Amino acid sequence: MFKKLNIGSEERAVIVLGFCKGRDSSCTMLYMEEARLLIRHLKSRDPEEKKAEVMRRKIISMAHEMGWELPGGKADMRRIDGWCLQQMGLGKKLNQFNYNELPKLVSIFQKVYLQFFKAI
């Protein structure tokens, strides 16, 4: 991820130090939670990941409109993930699809969405 974002070794060391509170400058020494937070931070800097997140939100929005919600109005991610697992046959939940895979997933979900509203 550092390489993809063109982050050099010095900047990488500084970033890692920040995520482990100065304990070490190597990614291999990060605790699991620190690594998870670092990955989330790096993804937020990735333009492709930002575009992928827009596509994920589009699917979640359509699911909301079809009533795929939990009590309280939150999206039923279990149902959305189940649909993704079943429909695509890749064994992936929504957040595991990458930028290149998401356009196809969005297209298929849009067809389901349109069929849903035609049936009403």
PDB file of N, CA and C in Angstrom:
ATOM      1  N   MET A   1       0.828  -1.188   0.000  1.00  0.00           N
ATOM      2  CA  MET A   1       0.000   0.000   0.000  1.00  0.00           C
ATOM      3  C   MET A   1       0.876   1.256   0.000  1.00  0.00           C
ATOM      4  N   PHE A   2       1.973   1.222   0.750  1.00  0.00           N
ATOM      5  CA  PHE A   2       2.878   2.371   0.764  1.00  0.00           C
ATOM      6  C   PHE A   2       3.419   2.633  -0.637  1.00  0.00           C
ATOM      7  N   LYS A   3       3.808   1.557  -1.317  1.00  0.00           N
ATOM      8  CA  LYS A   3       4.364   1.684  -2.663  1.00  0.00           C
ATOM      9  C   LYS A   3       3.320   2.258  -3.622  1.00  0.00           C
ATOM     10  N   LYS A   4       2.100   1.761  -3.537  1.00  0.00           N
ATOM     11  CA  LYS A   4       1.023   2.234  -4.404  1.00  0.00           C
ATOM     12  C   LYS A   4       0.782   3.729  -4.225  1.00  0.00           C
ATOM     13  N   LEU A   5       0.944   4.215  -3.007  1.00  0.00           N
ATOM     14  CA  LEU A   5       0.715   5.626  -2.704  1.00  0.00           C
ATOM     15  C   LEU A   5       1.984   6.473  -2.837  1.00  0.00           C
ATOM     16  N   ASN A   6       3.065   5.852  -3.329  1.00  0.00           N
ATOM     17  CA  ASN A   6       4.354   6.535  -3.501  1.00  0.00           C
ATOM     18  C   ASN A   6       4.867   7.147  -2.199  1.00  0.00           C
ATOM     19  N   ILE A   7       4.774   6.380  -1.137  1.00  0.00           N
ATOM     20  CA  ILE A   7       5.272   6.826   0.164  1.00  0.00           C
ATOM     21  C   ILE A   7       6.644   6.192   0.365  1.00  0.00           C
ATOM     22  N   GLY A   8       7.655   7.029   0.496  1.00  0.00           N
ATOM     23  CA  GLY A   8       9.027   6.563   0.665  1.00  0.00           C
ATOM     24  C   GLY A   8       9.282   5.983   2.040  1.00  0.00           C
ATOM     25  N   SER A   9      10.470   5.402   2.203  1.00  0.00           N
ATOM     26  CA  SER A   9      10.791   4.699   3.453  1.00  0.00           C
ATOM     27  C   SER A   9      10.837   5.632   4.660  1.00  0.00           C
ATOM     28  N   GLU A  10      11.326   6.860   4.479  1.00  0.00           N
ATOM     29  CA  GLU A  10      11.382   7.789   5.614  1.00  0.00           C
ATOM     30  C   GLU A  10       9.979   8.183   6.069  1.00  0.00           C
ATOM     31  N   GLU A  11       9.137   8.524   5.103  1.00  0.00           N
ATOM     32  CA  GLU A  11       7.759   8.899   5.454  1.00  0.00           C
ATOM     33  C   GLU A  11       7.016   7.706   6.043  1.00  0.00           C
ATOM     34  N   ARG A  12       7.279   6.520   5.490  1.00  0.00           N
ATOM     35  CA  ARG A  12       6.636   5.308   6.008  1.00  0.00           C
ATOM     36  C   ARG A  12       7.009   5.099   7.469  1.00  0.00           C
ATOM     37  N   ALA A  13       8.293   5.262   7.791  1.00  0.00           N
ATOM     38  CA  ALA A  13       8.743   5.075   9.170  1.00  0.00           C
ATOM     39  C   ALA A  13       8.042   6.058  10.110  1.00  0.00           C
ATOM     40  N   VAL A  14       7.893   7.299   9.671  1.00  0.00           N
ATOM     41  CA  VAL A  14       7.222   8.313  10.495  1.00  0.00           C
ATOM     42  C   VAL A  14       5.755   7.942  10.703  1.00  0.00           C
ATOM     43  N   ILE A  15       5.102   7.492   9.637  1.00  0.00           N
ATOM     44  CA  ILE A  15       3.689   7.109   9.743  1.00  0.00           C
ATOM     45  C   ILE A  15       3.529   5.939  10.706  1.00  0.00           C
ATOM     46  N   VAL A  16       4.378   4.925  10.553  1.00  0.00           N
ATOM     47  CA  VAL A  16       4.292   3.743  11.424  1.00  0.00           C
ATOM     48  C   VAL A  16       4.552   4.135  12.871  1.00  0.00           C
ATOM     49  N   LEU A  17       5.548   4.977  13.104  1.00  0.00           N
ATOM     50  CA  LEU A  17       5.822   5.449  14.469  1.00  0.00           C
ATOM     51  C   LEU A  17       4.586   6.101  15.083  1.00  0.00           C
ATOM     52  N   GLY A  18       3.868   6.845  14.286  1.00  0.00           N
ATOM     53  CA  GLY A  18       2.655   7.496  14.778  1.00  0.00           C
ATOM     54  C   GLY A  18       1.572   6.513  15.170  1.00  0.00           C
ATOM     55  N   PHE A  19       1.475   5.409  14.435  1.00  0.00           N
ATOM     56  CA  PHE A  19       0.414   4.438  14.712  1.00  0.00           C
ATOM     57  C   PHE A  19       0.750   3.502  15.871  1.00  0.00           C
ATOM     58  N   CYS A  20       2.035   3.405  16.218  1.00  0.00           N
ATOM     59  CA  CYS A  20       2.386   2.536  17.357  1.00  0.00           C
ATOM     60  C   CYS A  20       2.920   3.357  18.532  1.00  0.00           C
ATOM     61  N   LYS A  21       2.588   4.649  18.524  1.00  0.00           N
ATOM     62  CA  LYS A  21       2.960   5.559  19.622  1.00  0.00           C
ATOM     63  C   LYS A  21       4.467   5.565  19.882  1.00  0.00           C
ATOM     64  N   GLY A  22       5.257   5.540  18.785  1.00  0.00           N
ATOM     65  CA  GLY A  22       6.703   5.646  18.900  1.00  0.00           C
ATOM     66  C   GLY A  22       7.433   4.380  19.283  1.00  0.00           C
ATOM     67  N   ARG A  23       6.744   3.258  19.356  1.00  0.00           N
ATOM     68  CA  ARG A  23       7.354   2.009  19.788  1.00  0.00           C
ATOM     69  C   ARG A  23       8.356   1.471  18.763  1.00  0.00           C
ATOM     70  N   ASP A  24       8.023   1.580  17.467  1.00  0.00           N
ATOM     71  CA  ASP A  24       8.881   1.035  16.412  1.00  0.00           C
ATOM     72  C   ASP A  24       8.529   1.696  15.087  1.00  0.00           C
ATOM     73  N   SER A  25       9.451   1.636  14.141  1.00  0.00           N
ATOM     74  CA  SER A  25       9.194   2.232  12.827  1.00  0.00           C
ATOM     75  C   SER A  25       8.928   1.174  11.758  1.00  0.00           C
ATOM     76  N   SER A  26       8.860  -0.085  12.159  1.00  0.00           N
ATOM     77  CA  SER A  26       8.638  -1.181  11.217  1.00  0.00           C
ATOM     78  C   SER A  26       7.191  -1.674  11.278  1.00  0.00           C
ATOM     79  N   CYS A  27       6.614  -1.890  10.107  1.00  0.00           N
ATOM     80  CA  CYS A  27       5.237  -2.408  10.046  1.00  0.00           C
ATOM     81  C   CYS A  27       5.125  -3.783  10.688  1.00  0.00           C
ATOM     82  N   THR A  28       6.191  -4.548  10.631  1.00  0.00           N
ATOM     83  CA  THR A  28       6.135  -5.914  11.166  1.00  0.00           C
ATOM     84  C   THR A  28       5.962  -5.931  12.679  1.00  0.00           C
ATOM     85  N   MET A  29       6.240  -4.815  13.334  1.00  0.00           N
ATOM     86  CA  MET A  29       6.130  -4.755  14.788  1.00  0.00           C
ATOM     87  C   MET A  29       4.791  -4.190  15.270  1.00  0.00           C
ATOM     88  N   LEU A  30       3.910  -3.862  14.349  1.00  0.00           N
ATOM     89  CA  LEU A  30       2.609  -3.324  14.739  1.00  0.00           C
ATOM     90  C   LEU A  30       1.733  -4.407  15.352  1.00  0.00           C
ATOM     91  N   TYR A  31       0.962  -4.032  16.352  1.00  0.00           N
ATOM     92  CA  TYR A  31      -0.056  -4.928  16.881  1.00  0.00           C
ATOM     93  C   TYR A  31      -1.204  -4.982  15.877  1.00  0.00           C
ATOM     94  N   MET A  32      -2.044  -5.980  15.989  1.00  0.00           N
ATOM     95  CA  MET A  32      -3.122  -6.187  15.025  1.00  0.00           C
ATOM     96  C   MET A  32      -4.009  -4.948  14.884  1.00  0.00           C
ATOM     97  N   GLU A  33      -4.408  -4.358  15.986  1.00  0.00           N
ATOM     98  CA  GLU A  33      -5.280  -3.179  15.939  1.00  0.00           C
ATOM     99  C   GLU A  33      -4.562  -1.991  15.304  1.00  0.00           C
ATOM    100  N   GLU A  34      -3.281  -1.821  15.623  1.00  0.00           N
ATOM    101  CA  GLU A  34      -2.509  -0.735  15.015  1.00  0.00           C
ATOM    102  C   GLU A  34      -2.413  -0.927  13.503  1.00  0.00           C
ATOM    103  N   ALA A  35      -2.178  -2.158  13.081  1.00  0.00           N
ATOM    104  CA  ALA A  35      -2.085  -2.457  11.646  1.00  0.00           C
ATOM    105  C   ALA A  35      -3.413  -2.187  10.952  1.00  0.00           C
ATOM    106  N   ARG A  36      -4.501  -2.579  11.591  1.00  0.00           N
ATOM    107  CA  ARG A  36      -5.831  -2.349  11.015  1.00  0.00           C
ATOM    108  C   ARG A  36      -6.086  -0.852  10.833  1.00  0.00           C
ATOM    109  N   LEU A  37      -5.742  -0.059  11.841  1.00  0.00           N
ATOM    110  CA  LEU A  37      -5.934   1.390  11.754  1.00  0.00           C
ATOM    111  C   LEU A  37      -5.030   2.016  10.696  1.00  0.00           C
ATOM    112  N   LEU A  38      -3.805   1.522  10.591  1.00  0.00           N
ATOM    113  CA  LEU A  38      -2.880   2.017   9.572  1.00  0.00           C
ATOM    114  C   LEU A  38      -3.410   1.721   8.168  1.00  0.00           C
ATOM    115  N   ILE A  39      -3.896   0.519   7.964  1.00  0.00           N
ATOM    116  CA  ILE A  39      -4.450   0.145   6.657  1.00  0.00           C
ATOM    117  C   ILE A  39      -5.643   1.025   6.325  1.00  0.00           C
ATOM    118  N   ARG A  40      -6.505   1.250   7.289  1.00  0.00           N
ATOM    119  CA  ARG A  40      -7.669   2.118   7.066  1.00  0.00           C
ATOM    120  C   ARG A  40      -7.211   3.526   6.672  1.00  0.00           C
ATOM    121  N   HIS A  41      -6.190   4.024   7.366  1.00  0.00           N
ATOM    122  CA  HIS A  41      -5.657   5.356   7.059  1.00  0.00           C
ATOM    123  C   HIS A  41      -5.095   5.409   5.639  1.00  0.00           C
ATOM    124  N   LEU A  42      -4.320   4.407   5.263  1.00  0.00           N
ATOM    125  CA  LEU A  42      -3.722   4.386   3.928  1.00  0.00           C
ATOM    126  C   LEU A  42      -4.790   4.270   2.842  1.00  0.00           C
ATOM    127  N   LYS A  43      -5.804   3.465   3.097  1.00  0.00           N
ATOM    128  CA  LYS A  43      -6.895   3.342   2.125  1.00  0.00           C
ATOM    129  C   LYS A  43      -7.601   4.679   1.936  1.00  0.00           C
ATOM    130  N   SER A  44      -7.714   5.453   3.004  1.00  0.00           N
ATOM    131  CA  SER A  44      -8.396   6.748   2.900  1.00  0.00           C
ATOM    132  C   SER A  44      -7.606   7.723   2.028  1.00  0.00           C
ATOM    133  N   ARG A  45      -6.317   7.463   1.832  1.00  0.00           N
ATOM    134  CA  ARG A  45      -5.471   8.318   0.990  1.00  0.00           C
ATOM    135  C   ARG A  45      -5.424   7.832  -0.455  1.00  0.00           C
ATOM    136  N   ASP A  46      -5.982   6.655  -0.722  1.00  0.00           N
ATOM    137  CA  ASP A  46      -5.915   6.033  -2.041  1.00  0.00           C
ATOM    138  C   ASP A  46      -7.092   6.491  -2.903  1.00  0.00           C
ATOM    139  N   PRO A  47      -6.829   7.186  -4.012  1.00  0.00           N
ATOM    140  CA  PRO A  47      -7.926   7.657  -4.873  1.00  0.00           C
ATOM    141  C   PRO A  47      -8.815   6.524  -5.389  1.00  0.00           C
ATOM    142  N   GLU A  48      -8.220   5.373  -5.713  1.00  0.00           N
ATOM    143  CA  GLU A  48      -9.020   4.235  -6.172  1.00  0.00           C
ATOM    144  C   GLU A  48      -9.954   3.749  -5.080  1.00  0.00           C
ATOM    145  N   GLU A  49      -9.459   3.717  -3.854  1.00  0.00           N
ATOM    146  CA  GLU A  49     -10.285   3.258  -2.736  1.00  0.00           C
ATOM    147  C   GLU A  49     -11.432   4.225  -2.484  1.00  0.00           C
ATOM    148  N   LYS A  50     -11.187   5.508  -2.674  1.00  0.00           N
ATOM    149  CA  LYS A  50     -12.265   6.493  -2.513  1.00  0.00           C
ATOM    150  C   LYS A  50     -13.364   6.248  -3.542  1.00  0.00           C
ATOM    151  N   LYS A  51     -12.970   5.957  -4.789  1.00  0.00           N
ATOM    152  CA  LYS A  51     -13.955   5.668  -5.833  1.00  0.00           C
ATOM    153  C   LYS A  51     -14.688   4.364  -5.533  1.00  0.00           C
ATOM    154  N   ALA A  52     -13.965   3.385  -5.002  1.00  0.00           N
ATOM    155  CA  ALA A  52     -14.591   2.113  -4.637  1.00  0.00           C
ATOM    156  C   ALA A  52     -15.620   2.334  -3.537  1.00  0.00           C
ATOM    157  N   GLU A  53     -15.303   3.191  -2.590  1.00  0.00           N
ATOM    158  CA  GLU A  53     -16.229   3.468  -1.486  1.00  0.00           C
ATOM    159  C   GLU A  53     -17.506   4.125  -1.996  1.00  0.00           C
ATOM    160  N   VAL A  54     -17.397   4.971  -3.009  1.00  0.00           N
ATOM    161  CA  VAL A  54     -18.586   5.588  -3.610  1.00  0.00           C
ATOM    162  C   VAL A  54     -19.487   4.501  -4.190  1.00  0.00           C
ATOM    163  N   MET A  55     -18.893   3.514  -4.861  1.00  0.00           N
ATOM    164  CA  MET A  55     -19.687   2.429  -5.449  1.00  0.00           C
ATOM    165  C   MET A  55     -20.333   1.567  -4.369  1.00  0.00           C
ATOM    166  N   ARG A  56     -19.603   1.314  -3.284  1.00  0.00           N
ATOM    167  CA  ARG A  56     -20.186   0.544  -2.173  1.00  0.00           C
ATOM    168  C   ARG A  56     -21.375   1.294  -1.576  1.00  0.00           C
ATOM    169  N   ARG A  57     -21.214   2.594  -1.396  1.00  0.00           N
ATOM    170  CA  ARG A  57     -22.308   3.401  -0.839  1.00  0.00           C
ATOM    171  C   ARG A  57     -23.521   3.405  -1.757  1.00  0.00           C
ATOM    172  N   LYS A  58     -23.281   3.345  -3.062  1.00  0.00           N
ATOM    173  CA  LYS A  58     -24.392   3.309  -4.016  1.00  0.00           C
ATOM    174  C   LYS A  58     -25.208   2.038  -3.813  1.00  0.00           C
ATOM    175  N   ILE A  59     -24.529   0.909  -3.640  1.00  0.00           N
ATOM    176  CA  ILE A  59     -25.222  -0.357  -3.390  1.00  0.00           C
ATOM    177  C   ILE A  59     -25.996  -0.284  -2.081  1.00  0.00           C
ATOM    178  N   ILE A  60     -25.373   0.244  -1.047  1.00  0.00           N
ATOM    179  CA  ILE A  60     -26.030   0.352   0.258  1.00  0.00           C
ATOM    180  C   ILE A  60     -27.253   1.263   0.160  1.00  0.00           C
ATOM    181  N   SER A  61     -27.144   2.343  -0.589  1.00  0.00           N
ATOM    182  CA  SER A  61     -28.272   3.258  -0.768  1.00  0.00           C
ATOM    183  C   SER A  61     -29.444   2.570  -1.463  1.00  0.00           C
ATOM    184  N   MET A  62     -29.156   1.825  -2.527  1.00  0.00           N
ATOM    185  CA  MET A  62     -30.229   1.109  -3.229  1.00  0.00           C
ATOM    186  C   MET A  62     -30.855   0.058  -2.312  1.00  0.00           C
ATOM    187  N   ALA A  63     -30.027  -0.612  -1.517  1.00  0.00           N
ATOM    188  CA  ALA A  63     -30.541  -1.614  -0.580  1.00  0.00           C
ATOM    189  C   ALA A  63     -31.481  -0.955   0.427  1.00  0.00           C
ATOM    190  N   HIS A  64     -31.114   0.226   0.921  1.00  0.00           N
ATOM    191  CA  HIS A  64     -31.988   0.988   1.824  1.00  0.00           C
ATOM    192  C   HIS A  64     -33.344   1.225   1.174  1.00  0.00           C
ATOM    193  N   GLU A  65     -33.315   1.683  -0.071  1.00  0.00           N
ATOM    194  CA  GLU A  65     -34.562   2.003  -0.770  1.00  0.00           C
ATOM    195  C   GLU A  65     -35.432   0.769  -0.979  1.00  0.00           C
ATOM    196  N   MET A  66     -34.814  -0.409  -1.017  1.00  0.00           N
ATOM    197  CA  MET A  66     -35.578  -1.650  -1.174  1.00  0.00           C
ATOM    198  C   MET A  66     -36.020  -2.210   0.173  1.00  0.00           C
ATOM    199  N   GLY A  67     -35.677  -1.502   1.257  1.00  0.00           N
ATOM    200  CA  GLY A  67     -36.096  -1.939   2.581  1.00  0.00           C
ATOM    201  C   GLY A  67     -35.155  -2.919   3.248  1.00  0.00           C
ATOM    202  N   TRP A  68     -33.949  -3.044   2.748  1.00  0.00           N
ATOM    203  CA  TRP A  68     -32.968  -3.935   3.369  1.00  0.00           C
ATOM    204  C   TRP A  68     -32.351  -3.198   4.559  1.00  0.00           C
ATOM    205  N   GLU A  69     -33.140  -3.045   5.596  1.00  0.00           N
ATOM    206  CA  GLU A  69     -32.721  -2.280   6.765  1.00  0.00           C
ATOM    207  C   GLU A  69     -32.974  -3.060   8.039  1.00  0.00           C
ATOM    208  N   LEU A  70     -32.231  -2.692   9.044  1.00  0.00           N
ATOM    209  CA  LEU A  70     -32.447  -3.219  10.386  1.00  0.00           C
ATOM    210  C   LEU A  70     -33.375  -2.257  11.119  1.00  0.00           C
ATOM    211  N   PRO A  71     -33.989  -2.707  12.203  1.00  0.00           N
ATOM    212  CA  PRO A  71     -34.770  -1.757  13.002  1.00  0.00           C
ATOM    213  C   PRO A  71     -33.863  -0.584  13.402  1.00  0.00           C
ATOM    214  N   GLY A  72     -34.346   0.606  13.227  1.00  0.00           N
ATOM    215  CA  GLY A  72     -33.533   1.786  13.500  1.00  0.00           C
ATOM    216  C   GLY A  72     -33.013   2.434  12.226  1.00  0.00           C
ATOM    217  N   GLY A  73     -33.178   1.760  11.093  1.00  0.00           N
ATOM    218  CA  GLY A  73     -32.832   2.365   9.815  1.00  0.00           C
ATOM    219  C   GLY A  73     -31.452   2.091   9.261  1.00  0.00           C
ATOM    220  N   LYS A  74     -30.609   1.357  10.000  1.00  0.00           N
ATOM    221  CA  LYS A  74     -29.282   1.039   9.465  1.00  0.00           C
ATOM    222  C   LYS A  74     -29.408  -0.010   8.368  1.00  0.00           C
ATOM    223  N   ALA A  75     -28.500   0.050   7.412  1.00  0.00           N
ATOM    224  CA  ALA A  75     -28.497  -0.934   6.327  1.00  0.00           C
ATOM    225  C   ALA A  75     -28.262  -2.332   6.896  1.00  0.00           C
ATOM    226  N   ASP A  76     -28.956  -3.297   6.341  1.00  0.00           N
ATOM    227  CA  ASP A  76     -28.789  -4.691   6.751  1.00  0.00           C
ATOM    228  C   ASP A  76     -27.579  -5.263   6.016  1.00  0.00           C
ATOM    229  N   MET A  77     -26.401  -5.020   6.569  1.00  0.00           N
ATOM    230  CA  MET A  77     -25.161  -5.436   5.916  1.00  0.00           C
ATOM    231  C   MET A  77     -25.057  -6.953   5.815  1.00  0.00           C
ATOM    232  N   ARG A  78     -25.644  -7.669   6.741  1.00  0.00           N
ATOM    233  CA  ARG A  78     -25.624  -9.132   6.654  1.00  0.00           C
ATOM    234  C   ARG A  78     -26.359  -9.584   5.387  1.00  0.00           C
ATOM    235  N   ARG A  79     -27.490  -8.954   5.113  1.00  0.00           N
ATOM    236  CA  ARG A  79     -28.259  -9.301   3.911  1.00  0.00           C
ATOM    237  C   ARG A  79     -27.505  -8.883   2.646  1.00  0.00           C
ATOM    238  N   ILE A  80     -26.930  -7.686   2.657  1.00  0.00           N
ATOM    239  CA  ILE A  80     -26.160  -7.206   1.507  1.00  0.00           C
ATOM    240  C   ILE A  80     -24.956  -8.113   1.269  1.00  0.00           C
ATOM    241  N   ASP A  81     -24.226  -8.436   2.333  1.00  0.00           N
ATOM    242  CA  ASP A  81     -23.070  -9.328   2.197  1.00  0.00           C
ATOM    243  C   ASP A  81     -23.491 -10.703   1.700  1.00  0.00           C
ATOM    244  N   GLY A  82     -24.614 -11.202   2.204  1.00  0.00           N
ATOM    245  CA  GLY A  82     -25.126 -12.498   1.752  1.00  0.00           C
ATOM    246  C   GLY A  82     -25.443 -12.481   0.271  1.00  0.00           C
ATOM    247  N   TRP A  83     -26.035 -11.381  -0.190  1.00  0.00           N
ATOM    248  CA  TRP A  83     -26.334 -11.242  -1.616  1.00  0.00           C
ATOM    249  C   TRP A  83     -25.040 -11.246  -2.432  1.00  0.00           C
ATOM    250  N   CYS A  84     -24.044 -10.497  -1.956  1.00  0.00           N
ATOM    251  CA  CYS A  84     -22.754 -10.437  -2.662  1.00  0.00           C
ATOM    252  C   CYS A  84     -22.105 -11.819  -2.725  1.00  0.00           C
ATOM    253  N   LEU A  85     -22.132 -12.535  -1.613  1.00  0.00           N
ATOM    254  CA  LEU A  85     -21.539 -13.875  -1.572  1.00  0.00           C
ATOM    255  C   LEU A  85     -22.232 -14.805  -2.554  1.00  0.00           C
ATOM    256  N   GLN A  86     -23.546 -14.737  -2.597  1.00  0.00           N
ATOM    257  CA  GLN A  86     -24.336 -15.626  -3.441  1.00  0.00           C
ATOM    258  C   GLN A  86     -24.263 -15.219  -4.910  1.00  0.00           C
ATOM    259  N   GLN A  87     -24.406 -13.952  -5.183  1.00  0.00           N
ATOM    260  CA  GLN A  87     -24.545 -13.470  -6.555  1.00  0.00           C
ATOM    261  C   GLN A  87     -23.256 -13.564  -7.362  1.00  0.00           C
ATOM    262  N   MET A  88     -22.166 -13.181  -6.782  1.00  0.00           N
ATOM    263  CA  MET A  88     -20.921 -13.091  -7.537  1.00  0.00           C
ATOM    264  C   MET A  88     -20.126 -14.397  -7.538  1.00  0.00           C
ATOM    265  N   GLY A  89     -20.356 -15.254  -6.566  1.00  0.00           N
ATOM    266  CA  GLY A  89     -19.643 -16.519  -6.518  1.00  0.00           C
ATOM    267  C   GLY A  89     -18.156 -16.383  -6.240  1.00  0.00           C
ATOM    268  N   LEU A  90     -17.752 -15.255  -5.692  1.00  0.00           N
ATOM    269  CA  LEU A  90     -16.337 -15.038  -5.393  1.00  0.00           C
ATOM    270  C   LEU A  90     -16.026 -15.217  -3.912  1.00  0.00           C
ATOM    271  N   GLY A  91     -17.051 -15.482  -3.118  1.00  0.00           N
ATOM    272  CA  GLY A  91     -16.836 -15.659  -1.686  1.00  0.00           C
ATOM    273  C   GLY A  91     -16.408 -14.383  -0.989  1.00  0.00           C
ATOM    274  N   LYS A  92     -16.921 -13.239  -1.470  1.00  0.00           N
ATOM    275  CA  LYS A  92     -16.537 -11.954  -0.886  1.00  0.00           C
ATOM    276  C   LYS A  92     -17.760 -11.196  -0.393  1.00  0.00           C
ATOM    277  N   LYS A  93     -17.562 -10.499   0.719  1.00  0.00           N
ATOM    278  CA  LYS A  93     -18.567  -9.567   1.215  1.00  0.00           C
ATOM    279  C   LYS A  93     -18.349  -8.222   0.515  1.00  0.00           C
ATOM    280  N   LEU A  94     -19.310  -7.321   0.638  1.00  0.00           N
ATOM    281  CA  LEU A  94     -19.266  -6.049  -0.088  1.00  0.00           C
ATOM    282  C   LEU A  94     -17.939  -5.314   0.091  1.00  0.00           C
ATOM    283  N   ASN A  95     -17.480  -5.177   1.315  1.00  0.00           N
ATOM    284  CA  ASN A  95     -16.264  -4.399   1.568  1.00  0.00           C
ATOM    285  C   ASN A  95     -14.989  -5.092   1.115  1.00  0.00           C
ATOM    286  N   GLN A  96     -15.089  -6.336   0.677  1.00  0.00           N
ATOM    287  CA  GLN A  96     -13.913  -7.054   0.193  1.00  0.00           C
ATOM    288  C   GLN A  96     -13.719  -6.907  -1.317  1.00  0.00           C
ATOM    289  N   PHE A  97     -14.721  -6.373  -2.008  1.00  0.00           N
ATOM    290  CA  PHE A  97     -14.591  -6.164  -3.450  1.00  0.00           C
ATOM    291  C   PHE A  97     -13.686  -4.967  -3.710  1.00  0.00           C
ATOM    292  N   ASN A  98     -12.803  -5.115  -4.691  1.00  0.00           N
ATOM    293  CA  ASN A  98     -11.898  -4.015  -5.001  1.00  0.00           C
ATOM    294  C   ASN A  98     -12.475  -3.125  -6.099  1.00  0.00           C
ATOM    295  N   TYR A  99     -11.765  -2.088  -6.392  1.00  0.00           N
ATOM    296  CA  TYR A  99     -12.198  -1.078  -7.355  1.00  0.00           C
ATOM    297  C   TYR A  99     -12.537  -1.682  -8.718  1.00  0.00           C
ATOM    298  N   ASN A 100     -11.748  -2.627  -9.179  1.00  0.00           N
ATOM    299  CA  ASN A 100     -11.974  -3.224 -10.497  1.00  0.00           C
ATOM    300  C   ASN A 100     -13.179  -4.154 -10.535  1.00  0.00           C
ATOM    301  N   GLU A 101     -13.536  -4.750  -9.409  1.00  0.00           N
ATOM    302  CA  GLU A 101     -14.661  -5.688  -9.347  1.00  0.00           C
ATOM    303  C   GLU A 101     -16.002  -4.991  -9.104  1.00  0.00           C
ATOM    304  N   LEU A 102     -15.960  -3.841  -8.483  1.00  0.00           N
ATOM    305  CA  LEU A 102     -17.195  -3.180  -8.058  1.00  0.00           C
ATOM    306  C   LEU A 102     -18.115  -2.710  -9.188  1.00  0.00           C
ATOM    307  N   PRO A 103     -17.619  -2.227 -10.320  1.00  0.00           N
ATOM    308  CA  PRO A 103     -18.567  -1.808 -11.370  1.00  0.00           C
ATOM    309  C   PRO A 103     -19.520  -2.923 -11.804  1.00  0.00           C
ATOM    310  N   LYS A 104     -19.017  -4.141 -11.924  1.00  0.00           N
ATOM    311  CA  LYS A 104     -19.874  -5.268 -12.297  1.00  0.00           C
ATOM    312  C   LYS A 104     -20.904  -5.539 -11.200  1.00  0.00           C
ATOM    313  N   LEU A 105     -20.456  -5.487  -9.949  1.00  0.00           N
ATOM    314  CA  LEU A 105     -21.356  -5.720  -8.825  1.00  0.00           C
ATOM    315  C   LEU A 105     -22.456  -4.656  -8.786  1.00  0.00           C
ATOM    316  N   VAL A 106     -22.088  -3.399  -8.979  1.00  0.00           N
ATOM    317  CA  VAL A 106     -23.069  -2.308  -8.988  1.00  0.00           C
ATOM    318  C   VAL A 106     -24.071  -2.522 -10.116  1.00  0.00           C
ATOM    319  N   SER A 107     -23.581  -2.901 -11.278  1.00  0.00           N
ATOM    320  CA  SER A 107     -24.457  -3.128 -12.430  1.00  0.00           C
ATOM    321  C   SER A 107     -25.484  -4.225 -12.151  1.00  0.00           C
ATOM    322  N   ILE A 108     -25.038  -5.323 -11.577  1.00  0.00           N
ATOM    323  CA  ILE A 108     -25.948  -6.425 -11.254  1.00  0.00           C
ATOM    324  C   ILE A 108     -26.952  -5.986 -10.192  1.00  0.00           C
ATOM    325  N   PHE A 109     -26.472  -5.257  -9.179  1.00  0.00           N
ATOM    326  CA  PHE A 109     -27.375  -4.807  -8.119  1.00  0.00           C
ATOM    327  C   PHE A 109     -28.402  -3.813  -8.660  1.00  0.00           C
ATOM    328  N   GLN A 110     -28.005  -2.981  -9.606  1.00  0.00           N
ATOM    329  CA  GLN A 110     -28.954  -2.038 -10.209  1.00  0.00           C
ATOM    330  C   GLN A 110     -30.087  -2.784 -10.910  1.00  0.00           C
ATOM    331  N   LYS A 111     -29.777  -3.904 -11.538  1.00  0.00           N
ATOM    332  CA  LYS A 111     -30.815  -4.710 -12.196  1.00  0.00           C
ATOM    333  C   LYS A 111     -31.797  -5.257 -11.162  1.00  0.00           C
ATOM    334  N   VAL A 112     -31.273  -5.730 -10.038  1.00  0.00           N
ATOM    335  CA  VAL A 112     -32.127  -6.221  -8.948  1.00  0.00           C
ATOM    336  C   VAL A 112     -32.999  -5.080  -8.432  1.00  0.00           C
ATOM    337  N   TYR A 113     -32.402  -3.930  -8.267  1.00  0.00           N
ATOM    338  CA  TYR A 113     -33.089  -2.730  -7.786  1.00  0.00           C
ATOM    339  C   TYR A 113     -34.236  -2.346  -8.728  1.00  0.00           C
ATOM    340  N   LEU A 114     -33.951  -2.311 -10.024  1.00  0.00           N
ATOM    341  CA  LEU A 114     -34.985  -1.955 -11.006  1.00  0.00           C
ATOM    342  C   LEU A 114     -36.101  -2.989 -11.042  1.00  0.00           C
ATOM    343  N   GLN A 115     -35.747  -4.267 -10.960  1.00  0.00           N
ATOM    344  CA  GLN A 115     -36.763  -5.328 -10.931  1.00  0.00           C
ATOM    345  C   GLN A 115     -37.646  -5.197  -9.698  1.00  0.00           C
ATOM    346  N   PHE A 116     -37.036  -4.844  -8.585  1.00  0.00           N
ATOM    347  CA  PHE A 116     -37.782  -4.665  -7.338  1.00  0.00           C
ATOM    348  C   PHE A 116     -38.865  -3.604  -7.514  1.00  0.00           C
ATOM    349  N   PHE A 117     -38.507  -2.471  -8.101  1.00  0.00           N
ATOM    350  CA  PHE A 117     -39.472  -1.385  -8.239  1.00  0.00           C
ATOM    351  C   PHE A 117     -40.453  -1.608  -9.377  1.00  0.00           C
ATOM    352  N   LYS A 118     -40.101  -2.399 -10.364  1.00  0.00           N
ATOM    353  CA  LYS A 118     -41.059  -2.749 -11.416  1.00  0.00           C
ATOM    354  C   LYS A 118     -42.150  -3.658 -10.867  1.00  0.00           C
ATOM    355  N   ALA A 119     -41.790  -4.472  -9.876  1.00  0.00           N
ATOM    356  CA  ALA A 119     -42.742  -5.419  -9.288  1.00  0.00           C
ATOM    357  C   ALA A 119     -43.756  -4.729  -8.379  1.00  0.00           C
ATOM    358  N   ILE A 120     -43.479  -3.533  -7.980  1.00  0.00           N
ATOM    359  CA  ILE A 120     -44.380  -2.810  -7.063  1.00  0.00           C
ATOM    360  C   ILE A 120     -45.541  -2.231  -7.821  1.00  0.00           C
TER     361      ILE A 120
END
